[in-house]
């Protein structure tokens, strides 16, 4: 993925974190883009959920809206463990 795409991914991750802070109840949550692994990491305390960037890459471009929806739904559920999640303690 190009460096321009990676810059946009970092901007999107920061914007999602701002959205989470504005919601209020989810302070302490943050989203980062991990360029090397091409994934987004949702962190809350010692727990991390990963969202692969490749999952959201469509023929028409990156589906940023679906990524936001998935992250916000994950937070809303309280970071509950699901079988399809890569969920592990933060390093």
N, C-alpha and C. Protein backbone atom coordinates (compact mmCIF):
# COMPACT_ATOMS: atom_id res chain seq x y z
N UNK A 1 0.84 -1.18 0.00
CA UNK A 1 0.00 0.00 0.00
C UNK A 1 0.89 1.24 0.00
N UNK A 2 0.47 2.24 -0.71
CA UNK A 2 1.29 3.42 -0.89
C UNK A 2 1.40 4.25 0.38
N UNK A 3 2.41 5.10 0.40
CA UNK A 3 2.59 5.96 1.58
C UNK A 3 1.43 6.96 1.71
N UNK A 4 0.87 7.38 0.59
CA UNK A 4 -0.29 8.28 0.64
C UNK A 4 -1.47 7.56 1.30
N UNK A 5 -1.66 6.29 0.95
CA UNK A 5 -2.72 5.50 1.56
C UNK A 5 -2.46 5.34 3.06
N UNK A 6 -1.22 5.10 3.43
CA UNK A 6 -0.87 4.93 4.85
C UNK A 6 -1.12 6.22 5.62
N UNK A 7 -0.85 7.37 5.00
CA UNK A 7 -1.13 8.65 5.66
C UNK A 7 -2.63 8.82 5.87
N UNK A 8 -3.41 8.43 4.87
CA UNK A 8 -4.87 8.52 5.02
C UNK A 8 -5.34 7.55 6.10
N UNK A 9 -4.75 6.38 6.18
CA UNK A 9 -5.12 5.40 7.20
C UNK A 9 -4.84 5.96 8.59
N UNK A 10 -3.71 6.63 8.76
CA UNK A 10 -3.38 7.24 10.05
C UNK A 10 -4.36 8.35 10.39
N UNK A 11 -4.74 9.17 9.41
CA UNK A 11 -5.74 10.23 9.63
C UNK A 11 -7.08 9.61 10.04
N UNK A 12 -7.47 8.55 9.37
CA UNK A 12 -8.73 7.90 9.70
C UNK A 12 -8.70 7.32 11.12
N UNK A 13 -7.58 6.71 11.49
CA UNK A 13 -7.45 6.14 12.84
C UNK A 13 -7.58 7.22 13.90
N UNK A 14 -6.95 8.37 13.67
CA UNK A 14 -7.06 9.48 14.62
C UNK A 14 -8.49 10.00 14.69
N UNK A 15 -9.15 10.07 13.54
CA UNK A 15 -10.54 10.55 13.50
C UNK A 15 -11.46 9.58 14.24
N UNK A 16 -11.23 8.29 14.09
CA UNK A 16 -12.06 7.30 14.80
C UNK A 16 -11.84 7.44 16.31
N UNK A 17 -10.59 7.66 16.73
CA UNK A 17 -10.30 7.87 18.15
C UNK A 17 -11.04 9.10 18.66
N UNK A 18 -11.04 10.19 17.88
CA UNK A 18 -11.77 11.40 18.27
C UNK A 18 -13.25 11.10 18.42
N UNK A 19 -13.80 10.33 17.48
CA UNK A 19 -15.22 9.95 17.56
C UNK A 19 -15.49 9.20 18.87
N UNK A 20 -14.61 8.29 19.22
CA UNK A 20 -14.79 7.51 20.46
C UNK A 20 -14.74 8.41 21.69
N UNK A 21 -13.84 9.38 21.70
CA UNK A 21 -13.72 10.29 22.83
C UNK A 21 -14.96 11.16 22.94
N UNK A 22 -15.48 11.61 21.80
CA UNK A 22 -16.68 12.45 21.81
C UNK A 22 -17.89 11.71 22.34
N UNK A 23 -17.94 10.40 22.14
CA UNK A 23 -19.05 9.61 22.68
C UNK A 23 -19.04 9.68 24.20
N UNK A 24 -17.85 9.86 24.78
CA UNK A 24 -17.75 10.09 26.21
C UNK A 24 -17.54 8.86 27.05
N UNK A 25 -18.40 7.88 26.91
CA UNK A 25 -18.32 6.70 27.76
C UNK A 25 -17.11 5.83 27.45
N UNK A 26 -16.44 6.07 26.40
CA UNK A 26 -15.37 5.18 25.99
C UNK A 26 -14.00 5.85 26.05
N UNK A 27 -13.80 6.70 27.03
CA UNK A 27 -12.48 7.29 27.19
C UNK A 27 -11.49 6.18 27.49
N UNK A 28 -10.29 6.32 26.99
CA UNK A 28 -9.29 5.29 27.18
C UNK A 28 -9.20 4.35 25.98
N UNK A 29 -10.13 4.47 25.05
CA UNK A 29 -10.06 3.69 23.82
C UNK A 29 -9.29 4.51 22.80
N UNK A 30 -8.49 3.83 22.00
CA UNK A 30 -7.83 4.54 20.90
C UNK A 30 -7.60 3.60 19.75
N UNK A 31 -7.53 4.16 18.57
CA UNK A 31 -7.32 3.39 17.36
C UNK A 31 -6.03 3.86 16.72
N UNK A 32 -5.19 2.92 16.36
CA UNK A 32 -3.95 3.25 15.66
C UNK A 32 -3.87 2.41 14.39
N UNK A 33 -3.14 2.94 13.42
CA UNK A 33 -2.89 2.18 12.20
C UNK A 33 -1.49 1.61 12.31
N UNK A 34 -1.37 0.31 12.16
CA UNK A 34 -0.08 -0.37 12.22
C UNK A 34 0.36 -0.66 10.79
N UNK A 35 1.22 0.21 10.29
CA UNK A 35 1.62 0.17 8.89
C UNK A 35 2.28 -1.17 8.51
N UNK A 36 3.14 -1.64 9.37
CA UNK A 36 3.89 -2.86 9.05
C UNK A 36 2.96 -4.07 8.86
N UNK A 37 1.92 -4.15 9.69
CA UNK A 37 0.99 -5.28 9.61
C UNK A 37 -0.23 -4.98 8.75
N UNK A 38 -0.36 -3.75 8.30
CA UNK A 38 -1.51 -3.29 7.50
C UNK A 38 -2.81 -3.62 8.22
N UNK A 39 -2.89 -3.15 9.47
CA UNK A 39 -4.10 -3.37 10.26
C UNK A 39 -4.33 -2.21 11.21
N UNK A 40 -5.57 -2.10 11.64
CA UNK A 40 -5.95 -1.10 12.62
C UNK A 40 -6.07 -1.81 13.96
N UNK A 41 -5.60 -1.15 15.01
CA UNK A 41 -5.66 -1.73 16.35
C UNK A 41 -6.54 -0.86 17.22
N UNK A 42 -7.54 -1.47 17.81
CA UNK A 42 -8.41 -0.81 18.77
C UNK A 42 -7.92 -1.21 20.14
N UNK A 43 -7.43 -0.24 20.91
CA UNK A 43 -6.86 -0.53 22.22
C UNK A 43 -7.74 0.04 23.32
N UNK A 44 -7.88 -0.76 24.37
CA UNK A 44 -8.61 -0.35 25.57
C UNK A 44 -7.92 -1.01 26.74
N UNK A 45 -7.18 -0.22 27.50
CA UNK A 45 -6.44 -0.79 28.62
C UNK A 45 -5.41 -1.78 28.12
N UNK A 46 -5.50 -3.01 28.59
CA UNK A 46 -4.53 -4.03 28.18
C UNK A 46 -5.05 -4.91 27.05
N UNK A 47 -6.24 -4.62 26.54
CA UNK A 47 -6.81 -5.43 25.48
C UNK A 47 -6.71 -4.72 24.13
N UNK A 48 -6.53 -5.53 23.08
CA UNK A 48 -6.42 -4.99 21.73
C UNK A 48 -7.22 -5.86 20.78
N UNK A 49 -7.98 -5.24 19.91
CA UNK A 49 -8.69 -5.94 18.83
C UNK A 49 -8.12 -5.42 17.52
N UNK A 50 -7.90 -6.32 16.57
CA UNK A 50 -7.29 -5.95 15.30
C UNK A 50 -8.30 -6.03 14.17
N UNK A 51 -8.17 -5.10 13.22
CA UNK A 51 -9.00 -5.05 12.03
C UNK A 51 -8.07 -4.93 10.84
N UNK A 52 -7.98 -5.98 10.03
CA UNK A 52 -7.07 -5.99 8.89
C UNK A 52 -7.53 -4.98 7.84
N UNK A 53 -6.60 -4.18 7.35
CA UNK A 53 -6.91 -3.19 6.32
C UNK A 53 -7.36 -3.89 5.04
N UNK A 54 -6.83 -5.07 4.78
CA UNK A 54 -7.17 -5.80 3.55
C UNK A 54 -8.65 -6.21 3.53
N UNK A 55 -9.23 -6.40 4.68
CA UNK A 55 -10.64 -6.76 4.77
C UNK A 55 -11.53 -5.65 4.23
N UNK A 56 -11.09 -4.42 4.36
CA UNK A 56 -11.90 -3.26 3.97
C UNK A 56 -11.50 -2.67 2.63
N UNK A 57 -10.54 -3.28 1.96
CA UNK A 57 -10.09 -2.81 0.65
C UNK A 57 -10.97 -3.43 -0.42
N UNK A 58 -11.77 -2.61 -1.08
CA UNK A 58 -12.71 -3.09 -2.09
C UNK A 58 -12.22 -2.65 -3.47
N UNK A 59 -12.82 -3.18 -4.53
CA UNK A 59 -12.44 -2.74 -5.88
C UNK A 59 -12.65 -1.24 -6.10
N UNK A 60 -13.56 -0.65 -5.33
CA UNK A 60 -13.81 0.80 -5.46
C UNK A 60 -13.01 1.63 -4.47
N UNK A 61 -12.07 1.00 -3.79
CA UNK A 61 -11.25 1.71 -2.81
C UNK A 61 -11.54 1.24 -1.40
N UNK A 62 -10.90 1.90 -0.46
CA UNK A 62 -11.03 1.53 0.94
C UNK A 62 -12.42 1.90 1.46
N UNK A 63 -13.03 0.99 2.18
CA UNK A 63 -14.36 1.22 2.75
C UNK A 63 -14.18 1.74 4.18
N UNK A 64 -13.87 3.03 4.30
CA UNK A 64 -13.62 3.64 5.61
C UNK A 64 -14.86 3.63 6.48
N UNK A 65 -16.02 3.79 5.86
CA UNK A 65 -17.26 3.80 6.63
C UNK A 65 -17.50 2.46 7.32
N UNK A 66 -17.30 1.37 6.59
CA UNK A 66 -17.52 0.05 7.19
C UNK A 66 -16.50 -0.21 8.31
N UNK A 67 -15.28 0.25 8.12
CA UNK A 67 -14.26 0.11 9.18
C UNK A 67 -14.72 0.84 10.44
N UNK A 68 -15.19 2.08 10.30
CA UNK A 68 -15.69 2.84 11.46
C UNK A 68 -16.85 2.12 12.12
N UNK A 69 -17.78 1.65 11.32
CA UNK A 69 -18.94 0.95 11.86
C UNK A 69 -18.50 -0.27 12.65
N UNK A 70 -17.60 -1.06 12.09
CA UNK A 70 -17.15 -2.27 12.78
C UNK A 70 -16.45 -1.95 14.10
N UNK A 71 -15.62 -0.92 14.09
CA UNK A 71 -14.92 -0.54 15.32
C UNK A 71 -15.91 -0.03 16.36
N UNK A 72 -16.82 0.84 15.95
CA UNK A 72 -17.80 1.38 16.89
C UNK A 72 -18.72 0.30 17.45
N UNK A 73 -19.10 -0.65 16.61
CA UNK A 73 -19.92 -1.77 17.10
C UNK A 73 -19.13 -2.62 18.09
N UNK A 74 -17.87 -2.80 17.81
CA UNK A 74 -17.02 -3.57 18.72
C UNK A 74 -16.93 -2.89 20.08
N UNK A 75 -16.77 -1.58 20.08
CA UNK A 75 -16.71 -0.81 21.33
C UNK A 75 -18.05 -0.88 22.05
N UNK A 76 -19.11 -0.75 21.29
CA UNK A 76 -20.44 -0.78 21.90
C UNK A 76 -20.71 -2.09 22.63
N UNK A 77 -20.21 -3.18 22.07
CA UNK A 77 -20.37 -4.48 22.71
C UNK A 77 -19.43 -4.64 23.91
N UNK A 78 -18.59 -3.65 24.14
CA UNK A 78 -17.69 -3.70 25.28
C UNK A 78 -16.47 -4.55 25.07
N UNK A 79 -16.01 -4.61 23.84
CA UNK A 79 -14.85 -5.41 23.49
C UNK A 79 -15.00 -6.87 23.91
N UNK A 80 -16.19 -7.40 23.71
CA UNK A 80 -16.41 -8.81 24.03
C UNK A 80 -15.67 -9.69 23.04
N UNK A 81 -15.15 -10.75 23.52
CA UNK A 81 -14.40 -11.68 22.69
C UNK A 81 -15.33 -12.40 21.72
N UNK A 82 -14.95 -12.41 20.46
CA UNK A 82 -15.70 -13.13 19.45
C UNK A 82 -14.75 -14.07 18.74
N UNK A 83 -15.23 -15.21 18.25
CA UNK A 83 -14.36 -16.18 17.61
C UNK A 83 -13.57 -15.65 16.42
N UNK A 84 -14.13 -14.70 15.65
CA UNK A 84 -13.43 -14.22 14.46
C UNK A 84 -12.44 -13.10 14.78
N UNK A 85 -12.42 -12.62 16.00
CA UNK A 85 -11.52 -11.53 16.37
C UNK A 85 -10.13 -12.04 16.66
N UNK A 86 -9.14 -11.27 16.25
CA UNK A 86 -7.79 -11.48 16.73
C UNK A 86 -7.72 -10.63 17.99
N UNK A 87 -7.82 -11.22 19.12
CA UNK A 87 -7.97 -10.49 20.37
C UNK A 87 -6.93 -10.98 21.34
N UNK A 88 -6.08 -10.09 21.77
CA UNK A 88 -5.00 -10.52 22.66
C UNK A 88 -4.57 -9.37 23.54
N UNK A 89 -3.90 -9.65 24.65
CA UNK A 89 -3.37 -8.57 25.46
C UNK A 89 -2.40 -7.70 24.66
N UNK A 90 -2.38 -6.43 24.94
CA UNK A 90 -1.48 -5.52 24.25
C UNK A 90 -0.04 -5.86 24.61
N UNK A 91 0.88 -5.72 23.66
CA UNK A 91 2.29 -6.02 23.93
C UNK A 91 2.91 -5.05 24.90
